[in-house]
Amino acid sequence: MNIDDIINFNTSTPDIERYSLADEKVLSGKPSQELSNHYSSPCDQFHTGVWQGDKGQWQVEYTEHEYCEILSGTSVIRCDDGNEMRVTKGDRFVIPAGFSGTWEVIDTCKKVYVIFEANKS
């Protein structure tokens, strides 16, 4: 490994994957999303990149641990018991594997993500 193996998000140009969520997960809106994965480890358990989602709300069930840093927009994350956390530009947080609830984008939201998939074989 050398300096050329370091991934700089400012100069990296990954493919942009645009997608829609499965209808059964969507609770409101039509939240199209896009993903620019800058790096995946050789074991395919560690991933990092930039995600963006449009307004809407959907169900989430995390099997991975995810660090997020909100770059723009506003979202509300709710757990199954109804408690919620509003996140906006500059917020940094970790969603642990096993979290279940909903993610709602209030204003188009963009985040850096770092994911570790602990149970991937």
N, C-alpha and C. Protein backbone atom coordinates (compact mmCIF):
# COMPACT_ATOMS: atom_id res chain seq x y z
N MET A 1 0.84 -1.18 0.00
CA MET A 1 0.00 0.00 0.00
C MET A 1 0.89 1.25 0.00
N ASN A 2 0.42 2.28 -0.69
CA ASN A 2 1.15 3.54 -0.69
C ASN A 2 0.15 4.70 -0.76
N ILE A 3 0.66 5.89 -0.90
CA ILE A 3 -0.18 7.10 -0.87
C ILE A 3 -1.27 7.07 -1.95
N ASP A 4 -1.01 6.41 -3.06
CA ASP A 4 -1.99 6.34 -4.15
C ASP A 4 -3.21 5.49 -3.79
N ASP A 5 -3.12 4.71 -2.72
CA ASP A 5 -4.23 3.86 -2.29
C ASP A 5 -5.21 4.59 -1.37
N ILE A 6 -4.88 5.79 -0.95
CA ILE A 6 -5.76 6.57 -0.08
C ILE A 6 -6.90 7.15 -0.93
N ILE A 7 -8.13 7.01 -0.42
CA ILE A 7 -9.31 7.50 -1.14
C ILE A 7 -9.66 8.89 -0.63
N ASN A 8 -9.54 9.89 -1.49
CA ASN A 8 -9.87 11.27 -1.15
C ASN A 8 -11.24 11.58 -1.75
N PHE A 9 -12.24 11.82 -0.89
CA PHE A 9 -13.59 12.07 -1.39
C PHE A 9 -13.65 13.29 -2.30
N ASN A 10 -12.72 14.24 -2.13
CA ASN A 10 -12.73 15.45 -2.96
C ASN A 10 -12.31 15.17 -4.40
N THR A 11 -11.54 14.11 -4.61
CA THR A 11 -11.05 13.83 -5.96
C THR A 11 -11.54 12.50 -6.51
N SER A 12 -12.11 11.67 -5.66
CA SER A 12 -12.64 10.37 -6.08
C SER A 12 -13.91 10.58 -6.90
N THR A 13 -14.09 9.79 -7.94
CA THR A 13 -15.28 9.92 -8.79
C THR A 13 -15.97 8.56 -8.95
N PRO A 14 -16.62 8.11 -7.88
CA PRO A 14 -17.32 6.82 -7.98
C PRO A 14 -18.58 6.95 -8.83
N ASP A 15 -19.07 5.82 -9.29
CA ASP A 15 -20.35 5.80 -10.00
C ASP A 15 -21.45 6.23 -9.04
N ILE A 16 -22.48 6.88 -9.57
CA ILE A 16 -23.65 7.26 -8.77
C ILE A 16 -24.75 6.24 -9.07
N GLU A 17 -25.19 5.57 -8.02
CA GLU A 17 -26.29 4.60 -8.14
C GLU A 17 -27.57 5.27 -7.71
N ARG A 18 -28.54 5.40 -8.61
CA ARG A 18 -29.84 5.98 -8.29
C ARG A 18 -30.85 4.85 -8.15
N TYR A 19 -31.68 4.94 -7.12
CA TYR A 19 -32.63 3.86 -6.88
C TYR A 19 -33.84 4.36 -6.09
N SER A 20 -34.89 3.55 -6.13
CA SER A 20 -36.08 3.79 -5.33
C SER A 20 -36.22 2.63 -4.36
N LEU A 21 -36.85 2.90 -3.23
CA LEU A 21 -37.05 1.87 -2.23
C LEU A 21 -38.19 0.95 -2.62
N ALA A 22 -38.18 -0.25 -2.08
CA ALA A 22 -39.28 -1.19 -2.30
C ALA A 22 -40.56 -0.58 -1.76
N ASP A 23 -41.64 -0.71 -2.51
CA ASP A 23 -42.93 -0.11 -2.14
C ASP A 23 -43.36 -0.47 -0.72
N GLU A 24 -43.11 -1.71 -0.29
CA GLU A 24 -43.55 -2.13 1.04
C GLU A 24 -42.81 -1.43 2.19
N LYS A 25 -41.68 -0.80 1.90
CA LYS A 25 -40.94 -0.06 2.94
C LYS A 25 -41.36 1.40 3.04
N VAL A 26 -41.89 1.94 1.95
CA VAL A 26 -42.22 3.37 1.88
C VAL A 26 -43.51 3.65 2.65
N LEU A 27 -43.44 4.64 3.56
CA LEU A 27 -44.61 5.04 4.35
C LEU A 27 -45.24 6.32 3.83
N SER A 28 -44.41 7.21 3.23
CA SER A 28 -44.94 8.43 2.63
C SER A 28 -43.96 8.96 1.60
N GLY A 29 -44.50 9.73 0.65
CA GLY A 29 -43.67 10.33 -0.39
C GLY A 29 -43.21 9.30 -1.41
N LYS A 30 -42.28 9.74 -2.21
CA LYS A 30 -41.65 8.87 -3.22
C LYS A 30 -40.14 9.12 -3.13
N PRO A 31 -39.55 8.64 -2.04
CA PRO A 31 -38.17 9.01 -1.71
C PRO A 31 -37.11 8.32 -2.58
N SER A 32 -36.82 8.91 -3.74
CA SER A 32 -35.72 8.37 -4.54
C SER A 32 -34.41 8.68 -3.83
N GLN A 33 -33.41 7.86 -4.08
CA GLN A 33 -32.14 7.99 -3.38
C GLN A 33 -30.99 7.80 -4.35
N GLU A 34 -29.83 8.30 -3.94
CA GLU A 34 -28.63 8.04 -4.72
C GLU A 34 -27.46 7.78 -3.78
N LEU A 35 -26.55 6.96 -4.27
CA LEU A 35 -25.43 6.50 -3.49
C LEU A 35 -24.17 6.60 -4.32
N SER A 36 -23.12 7.15 -3.73
CA SER A 36 -21.79 7.18 -4.35
C SER A 36 -20.85 6.49 -3.38
N ASN A 37 -20.62 5.20 -3.60
CA ASN A 37 -19.76 4.44 -2.70
C ASN A 37 -18.30 4.67 -3.09
N HIS A 38 -17.56 5.31 -2.20
CA HIS A 38 -16.17 5.64 -2.50
C HIS A 38 -15.22 4.48 -2.21
N TYR A 39 -15.61 3.60 -1.26
CA TYR A 39 -14.69 2.51 -0.89
C TYR A 39 -15.46 1.36 -0.27
N SER A 40 -15.08 0.15 -0.66
CA SER A 40 -15.51 -1.08 0.00
C SER A 40 -14.27 -1.91 0.27
N SER A 41 -14.18 -2.46 1.46
CA SER A 41 -13.01 -3.28 1.83
C SER A 41 -13.01 -4.59 1.05
N PRO A 42 -11.84 -5.21 0.92
CA PRO A 42 -11.76 -6.49 0.20
C PRO A 42 -12.67 -7.56 0.80
N CYS A 43 -12.91 -7.51 2.12
CA CYS A 43 -13.80 -8.50 2.76
C CYS A 43 -15.26 -8.14 2.59
N ASP A 44 -15.56 -6.97 2.02
CA ASP A 44 -16.91 -6.49 1.74
C ASP A 44 -17.76 -6.27 3.01
N GLN A 45 -17.09 -5.96 4.14
CA GLN A 45 -17.80 -5.66 5.38
C GLN A 45 -17.78 -4.17 5.71
N PHE A 46 -16.89 -3.42 5.11
CA PHE A 46 -16.69 -2.00 5.42
C PHE A 46 -16.91 -1.20 4.15
N HIS A 47 -17.78 -0.18 4.25
CA HIS A 47 -18.12 0.65 3.08
C HIS A 47 -18.21 2.11 3.53
N THR A 48 -17.84 3.00 2.62
CA THR A 48 -17.98 4.42 2.92
C THR A 48 -18.24 5.20 1.64
N GLY A 49 -19.03 6.26 1.79
CA GLY A 49 -19.38 7.06 0.62
C GLY A 49 -20.35 8.16 0.99
N VAL A 50 -21.10 8.61 0.00
CA VAL A 50 -22.06 9.70 0.18
C VAL A 50 -23.42 9.21 -0.30
N TRP A 51 -24.44 9.47 0.52
CA TRP A 51 -25.83 9.10 0.22
C TRP A 51 -26.67 10.37 0.18
N GLN A 52 -27.68 10.38 -0.68
CA GLN A 52 -28.63 11.48 -0.71
C GLN A 52 -30.03 10.91 -0.89
N GLY A 53 -30.99 11.45 -0.14
CA GLY A 53 -32.37 11.00 -0.23
C GLY A 53 -33.33 12.16 -0.36
N ASP A 54 -34.38 11.93 -1.14
CA ASP A 54 -35.44 12.92 -1.32
C ASP A 54 -36.50 12.77 -0.23
N LYS A 55 -37.39 13.76 -0.16
CA LYS A 55 -38.44 13.78 0.87
C LYS A 55 -39.26 12.50 0.84
N GLY A 56 -39.56 12.03 2.04
CA GLY A 56 -40.37 10.84 2.20
C GLY A 56 -40.00 10.13 3.49
N GLN A 57 -40.72 9.07 3.79
CA GLN A 57 -40.48 8.30 5.01
C GLN A 57 -40.55 6.82 4.68
N TRP A 58 -39.65 6.04 5.28
CA TRP A 58 -39.61 4.61 5.03
C TRP A 58 -39.15 3.86 6.26
N GLN A 59 -39.43 2.58 6.28
CA GLN A 59 -39.02 1.71 7.38
C GLN A 59 -37.55 1.35 7.22
N VAL A 60 -36.85 1.27 8.35
CA VAL A 60 -35.45 0.84 8.36
C VAL A 60 -35.27 -0.27 9.39
N GLU A 61 -34.36 -1.16 9.08
CA GLU A 61 -33.97 -2.23 9.99
C GLU A 61 -32.48 -2.46 9.76
N TYR A 62 -31.66 -1.95 10.66
CA TYR A 62 -30.21 -1.96 10.48
C TYR A 62 -29.60 -3.30 10.88
N THR A 63 -28.94 -3.95 9.94
CA THR A 63 -28.16 -5.14 10.24
C THR A 63 -26.68 -4.77 10.32
N GLU A 64 -26.37 -3.53 9.98
CA GLU A 64 -25.00 -3.01 9.98
C GLU A 64 -24.89 -1.87 11.00
N HIS A 65 -23.67 -1.57 11.40
CA HIS A 65 -23.38 -0.38 12.21
C HIS A 65 -23.07 0.74 11.22
N GLU A 66 -23.66 1.94 11.43
CA GLU A 66 -23.44 3.03 10.48
C GLU A 66 -23.13 4.33 11.20
N TYR A 67 -21.99 4.92 10.83
CA TYR A 67 -21.64 6.29 11.24
C TYR A 67 -22.16 7.20 10.14
N CYS A 68 -22.82 8.31 10.54
CA CYS A 68 -23.35 9.27 9.58
C CYS A 68 -22.88 10.67 9.94
N GLU A 69 -22.61 11.46 8.92
CA GLU A 69 -22.37 12.89 9.09
C GLU A 69 -23.26 13.60 8.07
N ILE A 70 -24.20 14.39 8.57
CA ILE A 70 -25.15 15.08 7.69
C ILE A 70 -24.46 16.28 7.05
N LEU A 71 -24.45 16.32 5.71
CA LEU A 71 -23.83 17.40 4.96
C LEU A 71 -24.83 18.51 4.63
N SER A 72 -26.10 18.13 4.42
CA SER A 72 -27.15 19.11 4.12
C SER A 72 -28.50 18.46 4.35
N GLY A 73 -29.51 19.31 4.52
CA GLY A 73 -30.88 18.83 4.68
C GLY A 73 -31.22 18.47 6.11
N THR A 74 -32.41 17.91 6.27
CA THR A 74 -32.93 17.54 7.59
C THR A 74 -33.66 16.22 7.49
N SER A 75 -33.43 15.36 8.46
CA SER A 75 -34.14 14.09 8.57
C SER A 75 -34.58 13.88 10.00
N VAL A 76 -35.58 13.00 10.17
CA VAL A 76 -36.02 12.58 11.49
C VAL A 76 -35.92 11.06 11.52
N ILE A 77 -35.20 10.56 12.51
CA ILE A 77 -35.05 9.12 12.70
C ILE A 77 -35.91 8.75 13.90
N ARG A 78 -36.80 7.77 13.71
CA ARG A 78 -37.69 7.34 14.79
C ARG A 78 -37.48 5.86 15.07
N CYS A 79 -37.48 5.50 16.35
CA CYS A 79 -37.41 4.08 16.68
C CYS A 79 -38.83 3.53 16.79
N ASP A 80 -38.93 2.22 16.92
CA ASP A 80 -40.23 1.57 16.93
C ASP A 80 -41.13 2.04 18.07
N ASP A 81 -40.55 2.54 19.18
CA ASP A 81 -41.39 3.00 20.29
C ASP A 81 -41.85 4.45 20.13
N GLY A 82 -41.49 5.09 18.99
CA GLY A 82 -41.96 6.43 18.69
C GLY A 82 -41.02 7.56 19.07
N ASN A 83 -39.98 7.27 19.84
CA ASN A 83 -39.00 8.32 20.16
C ASN A 83 -38.27 8.70 18.88
N GLU A 84 -37.86 9.97 18.80
CA GLU A 84 -37.25 10.44 17.56
C GLU A 84 -36.05 11.33 17.81
N MET A 85 -35.24 11.45 16.76
CA MET A 85 -34.07 12.32 16.77
C MET A 85 -34.05 13.06 15.44
N ARG A 86 -34.02 14.39 15.49
CA ARG A 86 -33.91 15.22 14.28
C ARG A 86 -32.43 15.44 14.02
N VAL A 87 -32.02 15.25 12.76
CA VAL A 87 -30.62 15.44 12.38
C VAL A 87 -30.56 16.44 11.23
N THR A 88 -29.54 17.29 11.28
CA THR A 88 -29.38 18.33 10.28
C THR A 88 -27.89 18.58 10.05
N LYS A 89 -27.58 19.45 9.13
CA LYS A 89 -26.19 19.72 8.72
C LYS A 89 -25.26 19.84 9.92
N GLY A 90 -24.18 19.08 9.86
CA GLY A 90 -23.15 19.10 10.91
C GLY A 90 -23.33 18.02 11.96
N ASP A 91 -24.50 17.38 12.03
CA ASP A 91 -24.71 16.33 13.02
C ASP A 91 -23.93 15.09 12.64
N ARG A 92 -23.35 14.45 13.66
CA ARG A 92 -22.59 13.21 13.48
C ARG A 92 -23.11 12.21 14.51
N PHE A 93 -23.37 10.99 14.07
CA PHE A 93 -23.94 10.00 14.97
C PHE A 93 -23.72 8.60 14.43
N VAL A 94 -23.95 7.60 15.30
CA VAL A 94 -23.84 6.20 14.92
C VAL A 94 -25.18 5.53 15.16
N ILE A 95 -25.63 4.77 14.16
CA ILE A 95 -26.81 3.93 14.30
C ILE A 95 -26.29 2.50 14.46
N PRO A 96 -26.52 1.88 15.62
CA PRO A 96 -26.00 0.53 15.82
C PRO A 96 -26.83 -0.53 15.10
N ALA A 97 -26.18 -1.62 14.77
CA ALA A 97 -26.89 -2.77 14.19
C ALA A 97 -27.99 -3.18 15.16
N GLY A 98 -29.15 -3.52 14.62
CA GLY A 98 -30.29 -3.91 15.43
C GLY A 98 -31.32 -2.81 15.57
N PHE A 99 -30.97 -1.56 15.19
CA PHE A 99 -31.94 -0.47 15.26
C PHE A 99 -33.06 -0.72 14.26
N SER A 100 -34.30 -0.47 14.70
CA SER A 100 -35.46 -0.65 13.85
C SER A 100 -36.40 0.53 14.04
N GLY A 101 -36.92 1.05 12.95
CA GLY A 101 -37.83 2.19 13.03
C GLY A 101 -38.08 2.78 11.67
N THR A 102 -38.04 4.13 11.60
CA THR A 102 -38.25 4.81 10.32
C THR A 102 -37.21 5.91 10.14
N TRP A 103 -36.97 6.24 8.88
CA TRP A 103 -36.14 7.38 8.50
C TRP A 103 -37.05 8.27 7.66
N GLU A 104 -37.15 9.55 8.04
CA GLU A 104 -37.95 10.49 7.28
C GLU A 104 -37.09 11.66 6.84
N VAL A 105 -37.05 11.92 5.55
CA VAL A 105 -36.34 13.08 5.01
C VAL A 105 -37.34 14.23 4.94
N ILE A 106 -37.04 15.32 5.66
CA ILE A 106 -37.89 16.51 5.68
C ILE A 106 -37.48 17.44 4.54
N ASP A 107 -36.18 17.68 4.42
CA ASP A 107 -35.59 18.45 3.31
C ASP A 107 -34.50 17.57 2.72
N THR A 108 -34.43 17.49 1.40
CA THR A 108 -33.45 16.62 0.75
C THR A 108 -32.19 16.54 1.59
N CYS A 109 -31.82 15.34 1.94
CA CYS A 109 -30.74 15.11 2.91
C CYS A 109 -29.56 14.43 2.23
N LYS A 110 -28.37 14.88 2.59
CA LYS A 110 -27.14 14.32 2.06
C LYS A 110 -26.23 14.00 3.24
N LYS A 111 -25.62 12.81 3.23
CA LYS A 111 -24.76 12.41 4.34
C LYS A 111 -23.56 11.62 3.86
N VAL A 112 -22.49 11.69 4.63
CA VAL A 112 -21.37 10.77 4.50
C VAL A 112 -21.73 9.57 5.36
N TYR A 113 -21.53 8.38 4.85
CA TYR A 113 -21.79 7.18 5.65
C TYR A 113 -20.52 6.34 5.73
N VAL A 114 -20.40 5.66 6.85
CA VAL A 114 -19.36 4.66 7.07
C VAL A 114 -20.08 3.47 7.68
N ILE A 115 -20.05 2.35 6.98
CA ILE A 115 -20.82 1.17 7.39
C ILE A 115 -19.87 0.02 7.68
N PHE A 116 -20.17 -0.69 8.79
CA PHE A 116 -19.48 -1.94 9.09
C PHE A 116 -20.54 -3.02 9.24
N GLU A 117 -20.45 -4.03 8.40
CA GLU A 117 -21.39 -5.14 8.42
C GLU A 117 -20.75 -6.30 9.21
N ALA A 118 -21.07 -6.36 10.50
CA ALA A 118 -20.42 -7.29 11.42
C ALA A 118 -20.77 -8.75 11.12
N ASN A 119 -21.98 -9.02 10.67
CA ASN A 119 -22.43 -10.40 10.52
C ASN A 119 -22.34 -10.93 9.10
N LYS A 120 -21.61 -10.24 8.25
CA LYS A 120 -21.50 -10.69 6.85
C LYS A 120 -20.50 -11.84 6.78
N SER A 121 -20.88 -12.88 6.08
CA SER A 121 -19.94 -14.01 5.95
C SER A 121 -19.53 -14.24 4.52
